[in-house]
Amino acid sequence: MVLKQTGLRFWVGIVLLTTNQPLGWVGMVTCNAIAVKQNSAFFSFLGFGIYALSWVMLGIGAWMAGPQGVQYARQLMLRLFRRQAPDPLQPKSPHTQEISSSTTPAFEARSSEASQ
């Protein structure tokens, strides 16, 4: 993916898109753990508020980064957590061949043997 937009607005959107989930989940879980330990509903509501704020961050980040930024953030998160996604800044090589699960070499070999 070659980035066409790289202004400050774009990068702030990328930061919001990539930090909203960890912030929301960690904030909610931490506040709820404190709520259980302290037996206080305040921390439970605070955790819900932090989680709701993460959705606001997602919306603002998507608006600021645009469709290309959302795609870039998705690839960045996949690359960070799954270690399988390609580098989002590198364009696809024209020599790269994608193989679907139904057209593996073993499948093709078996189907050619069966047709003979």
Protein backbone atom coordinates (compact mmCIF):
# COMPACT_ATOMS: atom_id res chain seq x y z
CA MET A 1 0.00 0.00 0.00
CA VAL A 2 1.39 3.33 -1.03
CA LEU A 3 0.13 6.12 1.20
CA LYS A 4 -1.27 9.13 -0.63
CA GLN A 5 -2.22 11.13 2.46
CA THR A 6 0.45 11.64 5.07
CA GLY A 7 -0.48 14.91 6.80
CA LEU A 8 -0.83 15.50 10.52
CA ARG A 9 -4.58 14.83 10.40
CA PHE A 10 -3.94 11.42 8.80
CA TRP A 11 -1.37 10.37 11.42
CA VAL A 12 -3.49 11.57 14.36
CA GLY A 13 -6.32 9.46 12.90
CA ILE A 14 -3.99 6.44 12.69
CA VAL A 15 -2.98 6.90 16.35
CA LEU A 16 -6.63 7.11 17.40
CA LEU A 17 -7.54 4.05 15.32
CA THR A 18 -4.73 1.91 16.69
CA THR A 19 -5.05 2.90 20.36
CA ASN A 20 -8.82 2.86 20.82
CA GLN A 21 -9.22 -0.89 21.36
CA PRO A 22 -6.37 -1.43 23.82
CA LEU A 23 -7.36 1.69 25.77
CA GLY A 24 -11.03 0.71 25.88
CA TRP A 25 -10.53 -2.90 26.91
CA VAL A 26 -7.75 -2.28 29.43
CA GLY A 27 -9.65 0.63 30.96
CA MET A 28 -12.87 -1.34 31.26
CA VAL A 29 -11.25 -4.46 32.71
CA THR A 30 -9.07 -2.51 35.14
CA CYS A 31 -11.93 -0.33 36.38
CA ASN A 32 -14.23 -3.33 36.78
CA ALA A 33 -11.54 -5.18 38.75
CA ILE A 34 -11.23 -2.17 41.04
CA ALA A 35 -15.03 -1.98 41.29
CA VAL A 36 -15.23 -5.59 42.45
CA LYS A 37 -12.40 -5.15 44.93
CA GLN A 38 -13.72 -1.85 46.34
CA ASN A 39 -17.38 -2.91 46.04
CA SER A 40 -18.08 0.40 44.32
CA ALA A 41 -20.32 0.98 41.33
CA PHE A 42 -18.47 4.20 40.52
CA PHE A 43 -15.50 2.32 39.04
CA SER A 44 -17.81 0.12 37.02
CA PHE A 45 -19.42 3.21 35.47
CA LEU A 46 -15.97 4.71 34.95
CA GLY A 47 -14.90 1.58 33.07
CA PHE A 48 -17.99 1.80 30.90
CA GLY A 49 -17.21 5.46 30.23
CA ILE A 50 -13.64 4.64 29.17
CA TYR A 51 -14.95 1.90 26.87
CA ALA A 52 -17.50 4.32 25.35
CA LEU A 53 -14.73 6.89 24.89
CA SER A 54 -12.78 4.30 22.88
CA TRP A 55 -15.68 4.10 20.41
CA VAL A 56 -15.64 7.88 20.08
CA MET A 57 -11.90 7.63 19.39
CA LEU A 58 -12.64 5.05 16.68
CA GLY A 59 -15.15 7.31 14.98
CA ILE A 60 -12.96 10.40 15.11
CA GLY A 61 -9.94 8.41 13.97
CA ALA A 62 -11.83 6.96 11.00
CA TRP A 63 -13.05 10.41 10.06
CA MET A 64 -9.58 11.95 10.34
CA ALA A 65 -7.65 9.20 8.56
CA GLY A 66 -10.23 8.45 5.87
CA PRO A 67 -10.76 5.11 4.12
CA GLN A 68 -7.08 4.71 3.26
CA GLY A 69 -6.13 5.32 6.89
CA VAL A 70 -8.64 2.76 8.15
CA GLN A 71 -7.15 0.19 5.77
CA TYR A 72 -3.62 1.14 6.84
CA ALA A 73 -4.52 0.90 10.55
CA ARG A 74 -6.15 -2.50 10.00
CA GLN A 75 -3.06 -3.85 8.25
CA LEU A 76 -0.82 -2.31 10.90
CA MET A 77 -2.76 -3.97 13.73
CA LEU A 78 -2.80 -7.32 11.92
CA ARG A 79 0.92 -7.09 11.38
CA LEU A 80 1.51 -6.14 14.99
CA PHE A 81 -0.65 -8.80 16.64
CA ARG A 82 -0.78 -11.70 14.17
CA ARG A 83 2.60 -11.27 12.51
CA GLN A 84 1.08 -12.57 9.25
CA ALA A 85 -0.08 -9.50 7.41
CA PRO A 86 2.27 -7.91 4.89
CA ASP A 87 4.00 -4.62 5.57
CA PRO A 88 1.31 -1.97 4.93
CA LEU A 89 3.81 0.48 3.45
CA GLN A 90 5.22 -1.93 0.87
CA PRO A 91 3.37 -2.24 -2.44
CA LYS A 92 2.41 -5.72 -3.57
CA SER A 93 4.96 -7.30 -5.83
CA PRO A 94 3.66 -8.17 -9.30
CA HIS A 95 5.37 -11.55 -8.89
CA THR A 96 3.42 -12.41 -5.75
CA GLN A 97 0.86 -15.10 -6.42
CA GLU A 98 -2.04 -15.58 -4.06
CA ILE A 99 -3.19 -19.17 -3.62
CA SER A 100 -6.71 -19.89 -2.50
CA SER A 101 -7.41 -22.90 -0.30
CA SER A 102 -9.22 -24.76 -3.10
CA THR A 103 -6.38 -24.49 -5.62
CA THR A 104 -3.42 -25.87 -3.74
CA PRO A 105 -0.84 -27.87 -5.72
CA ALA A 106 -1.83 -31.10 -3.96
CA PHE A 107 -5.47 -30.54 -4.89
CA GLU A 108 -4.55 -29.83 -8.51
CA ALA A 109 -2.37 -32.96 -8.69
CA ARG A 110 -5.15 -35.17 -7.33
CA SER A 111 -7.76 -33.67 -9.64
CA SER A 112 -5.53 -34.15 -12.71
CA GLU A 113 -4.90 -37.79 -11.76
CA ALA A 114 -8.62 -38.39 -11.26
CA SER A 115 -9.49 -36.96 -14.67
CA GLN A 116 -7.16 -39.35 -16.50
